[in-house]
Amino acid sequence: MDLPAMRLFFGYIKADLPTILADFLALYHEKFEIDIKYQLSYYPEHRNAYWNEVKQCFDPNYMNYVTAAVHNFIIRLS
């Protein structure tokens, strides 16, 4: 996200980023986790490796960390 082109893009939509984050967090719930797990079940050769990585994203501590990092990124945009 710190590539110059990405920073320019995010700087352009900076005013909308808090709303985009809030919309994403509203969609981020237990059913979303179940849907992701179901989609991964189609690929048994990758299921366990990918799910072990993906399930970390549903940990509340991780979500708090990422949300704080995104808010910090928004603040640092110039």
N, C-alpha and C. Protein backbone atom coordinates (compact mmCIF):
# COMPACT_ATOMS: atom_id res chain seq x y z
N MET A 1 0.82 -1.20 0.00
CA MET A 1 0.00 0.00 0.00
C MET A 1 0.86 1.26 0.00
N ASP A 2 2.15 1.11 0.23
CA ASP A 2 3.02 2.28 0.25
C ASP A 2 3.68 2.56 -1.09
N LEU A 3 3.30 1.82 -2.13
CA LEU A 3 3.80 2.14 -3.46
C LEU A 3 3.28 3.51 -3.85
N PRO A 4 4.06 4.32 -4.55
CA PRO A 4 3.62 5.68 -4.91
C PRO A 4 2.28 5.71 -5.64
N ALA A 5 2.07 4.79 -6.58
CA ALA A 5 0.80 4.77 -7.31
C ALA A 5 -0.38 4.45 -6.39
N MET A 6 -0.17 3.53 -5.45
CA MET A 6 -1.24 3.17 -4.52
C MET A 6 -1.53 4.33 -3.57
N ARG A 7 -0.48 4.98 -3.08
CA ARG A 7 -0.69 6.12 -2.18
C ARG A 7 -1.43 7.24 -2.90
N LEU A 8 -1.10 7.45 -4.18
CA LEU A 8 -1.79 8.48 -4.97
C LEU A 8 -3.27 8.13 -5.11
N PHE A 9 -3.56 6.86 -5.42
CA PHE A 9 -4.94 6.42 -5.55
C PHE A 9 -5.70 6.58 -4.24
N PHE A 10 -5.12 6.08 -3.15
CA PHE A 10 -5.79 6.18 -1.85
C PHE A 10 -5.91 7.63 -1.41
N GLY A 11 -4.94 8.46 -1.77
CA GLY A 11 -5.04 9.89 -1.47
C GLY A 11 -6.21 10.53 -2.22
N TYR A 12 -6.45 10.05 -3.42
CA TYR A 12 -7.55 10.56 -4.24
C TYR A 12 -8.91 10.21 -3.63
N ILE A 13 -9.02 9.03 -3.04
CA ILE A 13 -10.30 8.60 -2.46
C ILE A 13 -10.28 8.67 -0.93
N LYS A 14 -9.37 9.47 -0.37
CA LYS A 14 -9.19 9.54 1.08
C LYS A 14 -10.50 9.84 1.81
N ALA A 15 -11.30 10.75 1.29
CA ALA A 15 -12.54 11.13 1.96
C ALA A 15 -13.52 9.96 2.06
N ASP A 16 -13.45 9.03 1.12
CA ASP A 16 -14.37 7.89 1.10
C ASP A 16 -13.86 6.69 1.88
N LEU A 17 -12.59 6.67 2.25
CA LEU A 17 -12.01 5.49 2.90
C LEU A 17 -12.67 5.12 4.22
N PRO A 18 -12.99 6.07 5.11
CA PRO A 18 -13.69 5.65 6.34
C PRO A 18 -15.04 4.98 6.07
N THR A 19 -15.76 5.46 5.07
CA THR A 19 -17.05 4.86 4.72
C THR A 19 -16.85 3.48 4.12
N ILE A 20 -15.84 3.34 3.27
CA ILE A 20 -15.53 2.03 2.66
C ILE A 20 -15.16 1.03 3.75
N LEU A 21 -14.34 1.45 4.70
CA LEU A 21 -13.96 0.57 5.81
C LEU A 21 -15.17 0.18 6.64
N ALA A 22 -16.02 1.13 6.95
CA ALA A 22 -17.23 0.83 7.74
C ALA A 22 -18.14 -0.15 7.00
N ASP A 23 -18.29 0.04 5.68
CA ASP A 23 -19.11 -0.89 4.89
C ASP A 23 -18.51 -2.29 4.89
N PHE A 24 -17.18 -2.38 4.76
CA PHE A 24 -16.54 -3.69 4.78
C PHE A 24 -16.73 -4.36 6.12
N LEU A 25 -16.54 -3.62 7.21
CA LEU A 25 -16.70 -4.21 8.54
C LEU A 25 -18.13 -4.66 8.80
N ALA A 26 -19.10 -3.97 8.19
CA ALA A 26 -20.50 -4.36 8.35
C ALA A 26 -20.77 -5.71 7.66
N LEU A 27 -20.05 -5.98 6.58
CA LEU A 27 -20.23 -7.23 5.85
C LEU A 27 -19.39 -8.37 6.41
N TYR A 28 -18.51 -8.04 7.31
CA TYR A 28 -17.53 -8.98 7.85
C TYR A 28 -18.11 -9.63 9.10
N HIS A 29 -18.76 -10.78 8.94
CA HIS A 29 -19.43 -11.43 10.06
C HIS A 29 -19.27 -12.94 9.94
N GLU A 30 -19.91 -13.67 10.83
CA GLU A 30 -19.75 -15.13 10.90
C GLU A 30 -20.18 -15.82 9.61
N LYS A 31 -21.25 -15.34 8.98
CA LYS A 31 -21.71 -15.97 7.74
C LYS A 31 -20.65 -15.82 6.65
N PHE A 32 -19.97 -14.69 6.63
CA PHE A 32 -18.89 -14.48 5.66
C PHE A 32 -17.78 -15.51 5.88
N GLU A 33 -17.45 -15.75 7.13
CA GLU A 33 -16.43 -16.75 7.47
C GLU A 33 -16.86 -18.13 6.97
N ILE A 34 -18.11 -18.48 7.18
CA ILE A 34 -18.63 -19.79 6.75
C ILE A 34 -18.62 -19.89 5.23
N ASP A 35 -18.99 -18.81 4.55
CA ASP A 35 -18.97 -18.81 3.08
C ASP A 35 -17.56 -19.00 2.54
N ILE A 36 -16.59 -18.35 3.14
CA ILE A 36 -15.20 -18.50 2.71
C ILE A 36 -14.74 -19.94 2.93
N LYS A 37 -15.06 -20.48 4.08
CA LYS A 37 -14.66 -21.87 4.38
C LYS A 37 -15.31 -22.83 3.39
N TYR A 38 -16.56 -22.59 3.05
CA TYR A 38 -17.26 -23.43 2.08
C TYR A 38 -16.58 -23.35 0.71
N GLN A 39 -16.22 -22.16 0.27
CA GLN A 39 -15.55 -22.01 -1.02
C GLN A 39 -14.20 -22.73 -1.04
N LEU A 40 -13.48 -22.67 0.07
CA LEU A 40 -12.20 -23.37 0.14
C LEU A 40 -12.37 -24.88 0.13
N SER A 41 -13.54 -25.36 0.56
CA SER A 41 -13.75 -26.81 0.60
C SER A 41 -13.81 -27.42 -0.80
N TYR A 42 -13.98 -26.61 -1.82
CA TYR A 42 -13.96 -27.11 -3.19
C TYR A 42 -12.57 -27.56 -3.63
N TYR A 43 -11.55 -27.13 -2.92
CA TYR A 43 -10.17 -27.42 -3.30
C TYR A 43 -9.47 -28.16 -2.16
N PRO A 44 -9.73 -29.46 -2.01
CA PRO A 44 -9.19 -30.20 -0.86
C PRO A 44 -7.67 -30.20 -0.78
N GLU A 45 -6.98 -30.11 -1.92
CA GLU A 45 -5.53 -30.13 -1.87
C GLU A 45 -4.94 -28.86 -1.26
N HIS A 46 -5.71 -27.78 -1.25
CA HIS A 46 -5.24 -26.51 -0.69
C HIS A 46 -6.01 -26.10 0.57
N ARG A 47 -7.10 -26.79 0.84
CA ARG A 47 -8.03 -26.37 1.90
C ARG A 47 -7.36 -26.11 3.23
N ASN A 48 -6.62 -27.06 3.74
CA ASN A 48 -6.05 -26.91 5.08
C ASN A 48 -5.01 -25.80 5.15
N ALA A 49 -4.14 -25.74 4.16
CA ALA A 49 -3.10 -24.70 4.17
C ALA A 49 -3.72 -23.32 4.08
N TYR A 50 -4.67 -23.14 3.17
CA TYR A 50 -5.29 -21.83 3.01
C TYR A 50 -6.17 -21.47 4.20
N TRP A 51 -6.93 -22.43 4.69
CA TRP A 51 -7.83 -22.12 5.79
C TRP A 51 -7.07 -21.73 7.04
N ASN A 52 -5.93 -22.37 7.29
CA ASN A 52 -5.14 -22.00 8.46
C ASN A 52 -4.68 -20.55 8.38
N GLU A 53 -4.43 -20.05 7.18
CA GLU A 53 -4.05 -18.65 7.00
C GLU A 53 -5.27 -17.74 7.07
N VAL A 54 -6.34 -18.12 6.38
CA VAL A 54 -7.53 -17.27 6.29
C VAL A 54 -8.24 -17.14 7.63
N LYS A 55 -8.30 -18.20 8.42
CA LYS A 55 -9.05 -18.14 9.67
C LYS A 55 -8.45 -17.14 10.65
N GLN A 56 -7.18 -16.81 10.51
CA GLN A 56 -6.57 -15.79 11.36
C GLN A 56 -7.24 -14.43 11.15
N CYS A 57 -7.74 -14.20 9.95
CA CYS A 57 -8.39 -12.93 9.63
C CYS A 57 -9.69 -12.73 10.41
N PHE A 58 -10.26 -13.80 10.93
CA PHE A 58 -11.51 -13.72 11.67
C PHE A 58 -11.30 -13.62 13.17
N ASP A 59 -10.07 -13.58 13.60
CA ASP A 59 -9.74 -13.41 15.02
C ASP A 59 -10.00 -11.94 15.40
N PRO A 60 -10.77 -11.68 16.45
CA PRO A 60 -11.08 -10.30 16.84
C PRO A 60 -9.84 -9.44 17.10
N ASN A 61 -8.80 -10.02 17.66
CA ASN A 61 -7.57 -9.25 17.90
C ASN A 61 -6.94 -8.82 16.59
N TYR A 62 -6.95 -9.71 15.62
CA TYR A 62 -6.40 -9.37 14.30
C TYR A 62 -7.24 -8.28 13.64
N MET A 63 -8.56 -8.39 13.75
CA MET A 63 -9.43 -7.37 13.16
C MET A 63 -9.19 -6.01 13.79
N ASN A 64 -9.01 -5.96 15.12
CA ASN A 64 -8.70 -4.70 15.78
C ASN A 64 -7.39 -4.13 15.29
N TYR A 65 -6.38 -4.98 15.14
CA TYR A 65 -5.07 -4.55 14.66
C TYR A 65 -5.16 -3.98 13.24
N VAL A 66 -5.85 -4.70 12.35
CA VAL A 66 -5.96 -4.26 10.96
C VAL A 66 -6.77 -2.97 10.86
N THR A 67 -7.85 -2.88 11.60
CA THR A 67 -8.66 -1.66 11.59
C THR A 67 -7.85 -0.47 12.06
N ALA A 68 -7.07 -0.63 13.11
CA ALA A 68 -6.21 0.44 13.59
C ALA A 68 -5.15 0.79 12.56
N ALA A 69 -4.58 -0.20 11.89
CA ALA A 69 -3.58 0.05 10.86
C ALA A 69 -4.18 0.82 9.68
N VAL A 70 -5.41 0.49 9.29
CA VAL A 70 -6.06 1.21 8.19
C VAL A 70 -6.35 2.66 8.60
N HIS A 71 -6.84 2.85 9.82
CA HIS A 71 -7.08 4.23 10.30
C HIS A 71 -5.78 5.02 10.33
N ASN A 72 -4.70 4.39 10.77
CA ASN A 72 -3.40 5.05 10.79
C ASN A 72 -2.95 5.40 9.37
N PHE A 73 -3.17 4.50 8.42
CA PHE A 73 -2.81 4.75 7.02
C PHE A 73 -3.60 5.94 6.47
N ILE A 74 -4.89 6.00 6.79
CA ILE A 74 -5.73 7.12 6.33
C ILE A 74 -5.21 8.43 6.87
N ILE A 75 -4.82 8.44 8.13
CA ILE A 75 -4.31 9.66 8.76
C ILE A 75 -3.00 10.10 8.10
N ARG A 76 -2.15 9.14 7.72
CA ARG A 76 -0.84 9.47 7.15
C ARG A 76 -0.92 9.91 5.69
N LEU A 77 -2.03 9.66 5.03
CA LEU A 77 -2.16 10.09 3.64
C LEU A 77 -2.10 11.61 3.56
N SER A 78 -1.39 12.08 2.56
CA SER A 78 -1.33 13.54 2.41
C SER A 78 -2.03 14.00 1.17
